[in-house]
Amino acid sequence: MARKTKLMANVEQKFNRPLERLLPSMVNDLGLSATAEELGVSKATLGYWLLKLGIQVRRIALSPGQEIEVKSRVEQRVG
């Protein structure tokens, strides 16, 4: 896990969620600019956080009637 700054910790506390869960949700719902504004940080800071936390932001174009499905790869440990 990436080491977090005081500002990152403050945002996590304010929203009561870890950034690793909060940021993807907000970026998907609001976009990058509105997410940065909502968090009270610059777009550059938000971009740095995404990079530091390994969160990928991808843009795609869909034709009318097309859908996209996001799947999560979860590592399973055999004990």
PDB file of N, CA and C in Angstrom:
ATOM      1  N   MET A   1       0.838  -1.175   0.000  1.00  0.00           N
ATOM      2  CA  MET A   1       0.000   0.000   0.000  1.00  0.00           C
ATOM      3  C   MET A   1       0.887   1.244   0.000  1.00  0.00           C
ATOM      4  N   ALA A   2       0.468   2.250  -0.741  1.00  0.00           N
ATOM      5  CA  ALA A   2       1.239   3.479  -0.843  1.00  0.00           C
ATOM      6  C   ALA A   2       1.152   4.274   0.461  1.00  0.00           C
ATOM      7  N   ARG A   3       2.231   4.936   0.778  1.00  0.00           N
ATOM      8  CA  ARG A   3       2.238   5.797   1.958  1.00  0.00           C
ATOM      9  C   ARG A   3       1.388   7.023   1.657  1.00  0.00           C
ATOM     10  N   LYS A   4       0.548   7.402   2.582  1.00  0.00           N
ATOM     11  CA  LYS A   4      -0.394   8.491   2.351  1.00  0.00           C
ATOM     12  C   LYS A   4       0.025   9.757   3.081  1.00  0.00           C
ATOM     13  N   THR A   5      -0.248  10.891   2.429  1.00  0.00           N
ATOM     14  CA  THR A   5       0.054  12.193   3.016  1.00  0.00           C
ATOM     15  C   THR A   5      -1.026  12.560   4.034  1.00  0.00           C
ATOM     16  N   LYS A   6      -0.772  13.627   4.774  1.00  0.00           N
ATOM     17  CA  LYS A   6      -1.767  14.104   5.738  1.00  0.00           C
ATOM     18  C   LYS A   6      -3.050  14.520   5.027  1.00  0.00           C
ATOM     19  N   LEU A   7      -2.913  15.156   3.866  1.00  0.00           N
ATOM     20  CA  LEU A   7      -4.092  15.571   3.111  1.00  0.00           C
ATOM     21  C   LEU A   7      -4.905  14.358   2.661  1.00  0.00           C
ATOM     22  N   MET A   8      -4.222  13.319   2.219  1.00  0.00           N
ATOM     23  CA  MET A   8      -4.920  12.089   1.823  1.00  0.00           C
ATOM     24  C   MET A   8      -5.681  11.510   3.016  1.00  0.00           C
ATOM     25  N   ALA A   9      -5.038  11.464   4.163  1.00  0.00           N
ATOM     26  CA  ALA A   9      -5.677  10.936   5.374  1.00  0.00           C
ATOM     27  C   ALA A   9      -6.872  11.794   5.780  1.00  0.00           C
ATOM     28  N   ASN A  10      -6.743  13.118   5.635  1.00  0.00           N
ATOM     29  CA  ASN A  10      -7.853  14.013   5.965  1.00  0.00           C
ATOM     30  C   ASN A  10      -9.060  13.767   5.063  1.00  0.00           C
ATOM     31  N   VAL A  11      -8.813  13.556   3.775  1.00  0.00           N
ATOM     32  CA  VAL A  11      -9.906  13.289   2.835  1.00  0.00           C
ATOM     33  C   VAL A  11     -10.572  11.956   3.172  1.00  0.00           C
ATOM     34  N   GLU A  12      -9.757  10.951   3.487  1.00  0.00           N
ATOM     35  CA  GLU A  12     -10.323   9.652   3.880  1.00  0.00           C
ATOM     36  C   GLU A  12     -11.212   9.798   5.115  1.00  0.00           C
ATOM     37  N   GLN A  13     -10.753  10.575   6.073  1.00  0.00           N
ATOM     38  CA  GLN A  13     -11.520  10.772   7.305  1.00  0.00           C
ATOM     39  C   GLN A  13     -12.814  11.526   7.012  1.00  0.00           C
ATOM     40  N   LYS A  14     -12.739  12.561   6.179  1.00  0.00           N
ATOM     41  CA  LYS A  14     -13.917  13.364   5.846  1.00  0.00           C
ATOM     42  C   LYS A  14     -15.001  12.524   5.168  1.00  0.00           C
ATOM     43  N   PHE A  15     -14.591  11.642   4.246  1.00  0.00           N
ATOM     44  CA  PHE A  15     -15.548  10.839   3.488  1.00  0.00           C
ATOM     45  C   PHE A  15     -15.757   9.447   4.091  1.00  0.00           C
ATOM     46  N   ASN A  16     -15.004   9.144   5.136  1.00  0.00           N
ATOM     47  CA  ASN A  16     -15.121   7.869   5.856  1.00  0.00           C
ATOM     48  C   ASN A  16     -14.955   6.655   4.937  1.00  0.00           C
ATOM     49  N   ARG A  17     -14.034   6.772   3.986  1.00  0.00           N
ATOM     50  CA  ARG A  17     -13.740   5.676   3.049  1.00  0.00           C
ATOM     51  C   ARG A  17     -12.275   5.764   2.642  1.00  0.00           C
ATOM     52  N   PRO A  18     -11.628   4.639   2.398  1.00  0.00           N
ATOM     53  CA  PRO A  18     -10.252   4.690   1.897  1.00  0.00           C
ATOM     54  C   PRO A  18     -10.235   5.248   0.473  1.00  0.00           C
ATOM     55  N   LEU A  19      -9.201   5.981   0.145  1.00  0.00           N
ATOM     56  CA  LEU A  19      -9.090   6.583  -1.186  1.00  0.00           C
ATOM     57  C   LEU A  19      -9.140   5.543  -2.299  1.00  0.00           C
ATOM     58  N   GLU A  20      -8.621   4.356  -2.026  1.00  0.00           N
ATOM     59  CA  GLU A  20      -8.614   3.298  -3.040  1.00  0.00           C
ATOM     60  C   GLU A  20     -10.029   2.922  -3.480  1.00  0.00           C
ATOM     61  N   ARG A  21     -11.001   3.133  -2.624  1.00  0.00           N
ATOM     62  CA  ARG A  21     -12.412   2.859  -2.952  1.00  0.00           C
ATOM     63  C   ARG A  21     -13.147   4.147  -3.353  1.00  0.00           C
ATOM     64  N   LEU A  22     -12.823   5.233  -2.678  1.00  0.00           N
ATOM     65  CA  LEU A  22     -13.501   6.506  -2.901  1.00  0.00           C
ATOM     66  C   LEU A  22     -13.213   7.092  -4.284  1.00  0.00           C
ATOM     67  N   LEU A  23     -11.938   7.156  -4.660  1.00  0.00           N
ATOM     68  CA  LEU A  23     -11.573   7.833  -5.902  1.00  0.00           C
ATOM     69  C   LEU A  23     -12.175   7.197  -7.154  1.00  0.00           C
ATOM     70  N   PRO A  24     -12.072   5.874  -7.344  1.00  0.00           N
ATOM     71  CA  PRO A  24     -12.687   5.308  -8.556  1.00  0.00           C
ATOM     72  C   PRO A  24     -14.183   5.595  -8.641  1.00  0.00           C
ATOM     73  N   SER A  25     -14.867   5.492  -7.526  1.00  0.00           N
ATOM     74  CA  SER A  25     -16.305   5.736  -7.499  1.00  0.00           C
ATOM     75  C   SER A  25     -16.626   7.178  -7.890  1.00  0.00           C
ATOM     76  N   MET A  26     -15.914   8.118  -7.293  1.00  0.00           N
ATOM     77  CA  MET A  26     -16.172   9.529  -7.579  1.00  0.00           C
ATOM     78  C   MET A  26     -15.804   9.899  -9.005  1.00  0.00           C
ATOM     79  N   VAL A  27     -14.667   9.409  -9.484  1.00  0.00           N
ATOM     80  CA  VAL A  27     -14.241   9.732 -10.851  1.00  0.00           C
ATOM     81  C   VAL A  27     -15.237   9.171 -11.859  1.00  0.00           C
ATOM     82  N   ASN A  28     -15.732   7.965 -11.624  1.00  0.00           N
ATOM     83  CA  ASN A  28     -16.734   7.382 -12.523  1.00  0.00           C
ATOM     84  C   ASN A  28     -18.030   8.180 -12.511  1.00  0.00           C
ATOM     85  N   ASP A  29     -18.441   8.637 -11.338  1.00  0.00           N
ATOM     86  CA  ASP A  29     -19.712   9.352 -11.211  1.00  0.00           C
ATOM     87  C   ASP A  29     -19.622  10.816 -11.627  1.00  0.00           C
ATOM     88  N   LEU A  30     -18.521  11.482 -11.266  1.00  0.00           N
ATOM     89  CA  LEU A  30     -18.424  12.931 -11.435  1.00  0.00           C
ATOM     90  C   LEU A  30     -17.449  13.392 -12.513  1.00  0.00           C
ATOM     91  N   GLY A  31     -16.454  12.559 -12.830  1.00  0.00           N
ATOM     92  CA  GLY A  31     -15.378  12.993 -13.718  1.00  0.00           C
ATOM     93  C   GLY A  31     -14.219  13.538 -12.895  1.00  0.00           C
ATOM     94  N   LEU A  32     -13.097  13.770 -13.564  1.00  0.00           N
ATOM     95  CA  LEU A  32     -11.882  14.191 -12.855  1.00  0.00           C
ATOM     96  C   LEU A  32     -12.001  15.590 -12.251  1.00  0.00           C
ATOM     97  N   SER A  33     -12.438  16.560 -13.042  1.00  0.00           N
ATOM     98  CA  SER A  33     -12.496  17.942 -12.548  1.00  0.00           C
ATOM     99  C   SER A  33     -13.445  18.094 -11.371  1.00  0.00           C
ATOM    100  N   ALA A  34     -14.647  17.535 -11.488  1.00  0.00           N
ATOM    101  CA  ALA A  34     -15.631  17.655 -10.408  1.00  0.00           C
ATOM    102  C   ALA A  34     -15.191  16.886  -9.163  1.00  0.00           C
ATOM    103  N   THR A  35     -14.506  15.765  -9.355  1.00  0.00           N
ATOM    104  CA  THR A  35     -13.996  15.008  -8.208  1.00  0.00           C
ATOM    105  C   THR A  35     -12.962  15.830  -7.457  1.00  0.00           C
ATOM    106  N   ALA A  36     -12.030  16.429  -8.190  1.00  0.00           N
ATOM    107  CA  ALA A  36     -11.011  17.265  -7.555  1.00  0.00           C
ATOM    108  C   ALA A  36     -11.670  18.407  -6.786  1.00  0.00           C
ATOM    109  N   GLU A  37     -12.657  19.037  -7.401  1.00  0.00           N
ATOM    110  CA  GLU A  37     -13.357  20.144  -6.745  1.00  0.00           C
ATOM    111  C   GLU A  37     -14.078  19.667  -5.480  1.00  0.00           C
ATOM    112  N   GLU A  38     -14.765  18.549  -5.572  1.00  0.00           N
ATOM    113  CA  GLU A  38     -15.500  17.991  -4.428  1.00  0.00           C
ATOM    114  C   GLU A  38     -14.554  17.635  -3.274  1.00  0.00           C
ATOM    115  N   LEU A  39     -13.358  17.144  -3.619  1.00  0.00           N
ATOM    116  CA  LEU A  39     -12.382  16.766  -2.592  1.00  0.00           C
ATOM    117  C   LEU A  39     -11.625  17.968  -2.042  1.00  0.00           C
ATOM    118  N   GLY A  40     -11.689  19.094  -2.757  1.00  0.00           N
ATOM    119  CA  GLY A  40     -10.973  20.286  -2.323  1.00  0.00           C
ATOM    120  C   GLY A  40      -9.494  20.253  -2.653  1.00  0.00           C
ATOM    121  N   VAL A  41      -9.148  19.559  -3.760  1.00  0.00           N
ATOM    122  CA  VAL A  41      -7.753  19.481  -4.206  1.00  0.00           C
ATOM    123  C   VAL A  41      -7.679  19.892  -5.675  1.00  0.00           C
ATOM    124  N   SER A  42      -6.475  20.157  -6.146  1.00  0.00           N
ATOM    125  CA  SER A  42      -6.298  20.506  -7.551  1.00  0.00           C
ATOM    126  C   SER A  42      -6.388  19.253  -8.417  1.00  0.00           C
ATOM    127  N   LYS A  43      -6.598  19.469  -9.720  1.00  0.00           N
ATOM    128  CA  LYS A  43      -6.618  18.329 -10.641  1.00  0.00           C
ATOM    129  C   LYS A  43      -5.250  17.651 -10.667  1.00  0.00           C
ATOM    130  N   ALA A  44      -4.195  18.431 -10.507  1.00  0.00           N
ATOM    131  CA  ALA A  44      -2.844  17.855 -10.482  1.00  0.00           C
ATOM    132  C   ALA A  44      -2.668  16.949  -9.265  1.00  0.00           C
ATOM    133  N   THR A  45      -3.166  17.387  -8.122  1.00  0.00           N
ATOM    134  CA  THR A  45      -3.080  16.565  -6.907  1.00  0.00           C
ATOM    135  C   THR A  45      -3.879  15.286  -7.071  1.00  0.00           C
ATOM    136  N   LEU A  46      -5.086  15.396  -7.610  1.00  0.00           N
ATOM    137  CA  LEU A  46      -5.903  14.208  -7.843  1.00  0.00           C
ATOM    138  C   LEU A  46      -5.183  13.253  -8.789  1.00  0.00           C
ATOM    139  N   GLY A  47      -4.590  13.776  -9.851  1.00  0.00           N
ATOM    140  CA  GLY A  47      -3.842  12.939 -10.789  1.00  0.00           C
ATOM    141  C   GLY A  47      -2.681  12.234 -10.111  1.00  0.00           C
ATOM    142  N   TYR A  48      -1.982  12.948  -9.225  1.00  0.00           N
ATOM    143  CA  TYR A  48      -0.869  12.357  -8.485  1.00  0.00           C
ATOM    144  C   TYR A  48      -1.364  11.244  -7.570  1.00  0.00           C
ATOM    145  N   TRP A  49      -2.468  11.479  -6.881  1.00  0.00           N
ATOM    146  CA  TRP A  49      -3.030  10.450  -6.001  1.00  0.00           C
ATOM    147  C   TRP A  49      -3.402   9.200  -6.789  1.00  0.00           C
ATOM    148  N   LEU A  50      -4.050   9.385  -7.930  1.00  0.00           N
ATOM    149  CA  LEU A  50      -4.439   8.236  -8.758  1.00  0.00           C
ATOM    150  C   LEU A  50      -3.202   7.441  -9.165  1.00  0.00           C
ATOM    151  N   LEU A  51      -2.162   8.144  -9.584  1.00  0.00           N
ATOM    152  CA  LEU A  51      -0.911   7.496  -9.981  1.00  0.00           C
ATOM    153  C   LEU A  51      -0.278   6.778  -8.791  1.00  0.00           C
ATOM    154  N   LYS A  52      -0.188   7.463  -7.663  1.00  0.00           N
ATOM    155  CA  LYS A  52       0.442   6.909  -6.465  1.00  0.00           C
ATOM    156  C   LYS A  52      -0.287   5.663  -5.959  1.00  0.00           C
ATOM    157  N   LEU A  53      -1.614   5.659  -6.075  1.00  0.00           N
ATOM    158  CA  LEU A  53      -2.414   4.540  -5.585  1.00  0.00           C
ATOM    159  C   LEU A  53      -2.632   3.457  -6.640  1.00  0.00           C
ATOM    160  N   GLY A  54      -2.099   3.672  -7.840  1.00  0.00           N
ATOM    161  CA  GLY A  54      -2.217   2.665  -8.900  1.00  0.00           C
ATOM    162  C   GLY A  54      -3.612   2.563  -9.492  1.00  0.00           C
ATOM    163  N   ILE A  55      -4.376   3.648  -9.428  1.00  0.00           N
ATOM    164  CA  ILE A  55      -5.740   3.660  -9.968  1.00  0.00           C
ATOM    165  C   ILE A  55      -5.673   4.135 -11.416  1.00  0.00           C
ATOM    166  N   GLN A  56      -6.138   3.303 -12.317  1.00  0.00           N
ATOM    167  CA  GLN A  56      -6.113   3.624 -13.744  1.00  0.00           C
ATOM    168  C   GLN A  56      -7.423   4.274 -14.162  1.00  0.00           C
ATOM    169  N   VAL A  57      -7.314   5.361 -14.908  1.00  0.00           N
ATOM    170  CA  VAL A  57      -8.492   6.021 -15.471  1.00  0.00           C
ATOM    171  C   VAL A  57      -8.403   5.853 -16.977  1.00  0.00           C
ATOM    172  N   ARG A  58      -9.438   5.249 -17.544  1.00  0.00           N
ATOM    173  CA  ARG A  58      -9.464   5.015 -18.988  1.00  0.00           C
ATOM    174  C   ARG A  58     -10.716   5.624 -19.572  1.00  0.00           C
ATOM    175  N   ARG A  59     -10.586   6.109 -20.787  1.00  0.00           N
ATOM    176  CA  ARG A  59     -11.713   6.711 -21.486  1.00  0.00           C
ATOM    177  C   ARG A  59     -12.043   5.879 -22.700  1.00  0.00           C
ATOM    178  N   ILE A  60     -13.317   5.620 -22.924  1.00  0.00           N
ATOM    179  CA  ILE A  60     -13.725   4.878 -24.105  1.00  0.00           C
ATOM    180  C   ILE A  60     -14.931   5.564 -24.729  1.00  0.00           C
ATOM    181  N   ALA A  61     -15.162   5.286 -25.999  1.00  0.00           N
ATOM    182  CA  ALA A  61     -16.328   5.816 -26.701  1.00  0.00           C
ATOM    183  C   ALA A  61     -17.250   4.656 -27.051  1.00  0.00           C
ATOM    184  N   LEU A  62     -18.533   4.820 -26.788  1.00  0.00           N
ATOM    185  CA  LEU A  62     -19.517   3.781 -27.071  1.00  0.00           C
ATOM    186  C   LEU A  62     -20.529   4.294 -28.087  1.00  0.00           C
ATOM    187  N   SER A  63     -20.868   3.451 -29.039  1.00  0.00           N
ATOM    188  CA  SER A  63     -21.940   3.765 -29.979  1.00  0.00           C
ATOM    189  C   SER A  63     -23.271   3.593 -29.261  1.00  0.00           C
ATOM    190  N   PRO A  64     -24.332   4.197 -29.787  1.00  0.00           N
ATOM    191  CA  PRO A  64     -25.650   3.988 -29.179  1.00  0.00           C
ATOM    192  C   PRO A  64     -25.972   2.498 -29.091  1.00  0.00           C
ATOM    193  N   GLY A  65     -26.459   2.083 -27.952  1.00  0.00           N
ATOM    194  CA  GLY A  65     -26.815   0.685 -27.749  1.00  0.00           C
ATOM    195  C   GLY A  65     -25.687  -0.177 -27.214  1.00  0.00           C
ATOM    196  N   GLN A  66     -24.451   0.326 -27.227  1.00  0.00           N
ATOM    197  CA  GLN A  66     -23.329  -0.434 -26.690  1.00  0.00           C
ATOM    198  C   GLN A  66     -23.261  -0.254 -25.176  1.00  0.00           C
ATOM    199  N   GLU A  67     -22.732  -1.262 -24.515  1.00  0.00           N
ATOM    200  CA  GLU A  67     -22.546  -1.216 -23.066  1.00  0.00           C
ATOM    201  C   GLU A  67     -21.124  -1.621 -22.737  1.00  0.00           C
ATOM    202  N   ILE A  68     -20.711  -1.292 -21.544  1.00  0.00           N
ATOM    203  CA  ILE A  68     -19.405  -1.725 -21.062  1.00  0.00           C
ATOM    204  C   ILE A  68     -19.604  -2.374 -19.696  1.00  0.00           C
ATOM    205  N   GLU A  69     -18.838  -3.402 -19.449  1.00  0.00           N
ATOM    206  CA  GLU A  69     -18.890  -4.096 -18.167  1.00  0.00           C
ATOM    207  C   GLU A  69     -17.495  -4.060 -17.557  1.00  0.00           C
ATOM    208  N   VAL A  70     -17.421  -3.681 -16.310  1.00  0.00           N
ATOM    209  CA  VAL A  70     -16.149  -3.629 -15.603  1.00  0.00           C
ATOM    210  C   VAL A  70     -16.083  -4.833 -14.682  1.00  0.00           C
ATOM    211  N   LYS A  71     -15.025  -5.616 -14.841  1.00  0.00           N
ATOM    212  CA  LYS A  71     -14.838  -6.798 -14.004  1.00  0.00           C
ATOM    213  C   LYS A  71     -13.624  -6.589 -13.116  1.00  0.00           C
ATOM    214  N   SER A  72     -13.702  -7.123 -11.937  1.00  0.00           N
ATOM    215  CA  SER A  72     -12.609  -7.018 -10.986  1.00  0.00           C
ATOM    216  C   SER A  72     -11.878  -8.346 -10.908  1.00  0.00           C
ATOM    217  N   ARG A  73     -10.557  -8.277 -10.987  1.00  0.00           N
ATOM    218  CA  ARG A  73      -9.744  -9.479 -10.796  1.00  0.00           C
ATOM    219  C   ARG A  73      -9.352  -9.547  -9.335  1.00  0.00           C
ATOM    220  N   VAL A  74      -9.819 -10.560  -8.675  1.00  0.00           N
ATOM    221  CA  VAL A  74      -9.527 -10.738  -7.253  1.00  0.00           C
ATOM    222  C   VAL A  74      -8.607 -11.939  -7.106  1.00  0.00           C
ATOM    223  N   GLU A  75      -7.500 -11.706  -6.438  1.00  0.00           N
ATOM    224  CA  GLU A  75      -6.564 -12.808  -6.209  1.00  0.00           C
ATOM    225  C   GLU A  75      -7.099 -13.689  -5.093  1.00  0.00           C
ATOM    226  N   GLN A  76      -7.085 -14.979  -5.339  1.00  0.00           N
ATOM    227  CA  GLN A  76      -7.516 -15.917  -4.311  1.00  0.00           C
ATOM    228  C   GLN A  76      -6.294 -16.647  -3.786  1.00  0.00           C
ATOM    229  N   ARG A  77      -6.227 -16.738  -2.484  1.00  0.00           N
ATOM    230  CA  ARG A  77      -5.101 -17.432  -1.860  1.00  0.00           C
ATOM    231  C   ARG A  77      -5.553 -18.798  -1.400  1.00  0.00           C
ATOM    232  N   VAL A  78      -4.742 -19.765  -1.706  1.00  0.00           N
ATOM    233  CA  VAL A  78      -5.031 -21.121  -1.253  1.00  0.00           C
ATOM    234  C   VAL A  78      -4.172 -21.370  -0.026  1.00  0.00           C
ATOM    235  N   GLY A  79      -4.794 -21.729   1.060  1.00  0.00           N
ATOM    236  CA  GLY A  79      -4.040 -21.860   2.297  1.00  0.00           C
ATOM    237  C   GLY A  79      -4.012 -23.242   2.714  1.00  0.00           C
TER     238      GLY A  79
END
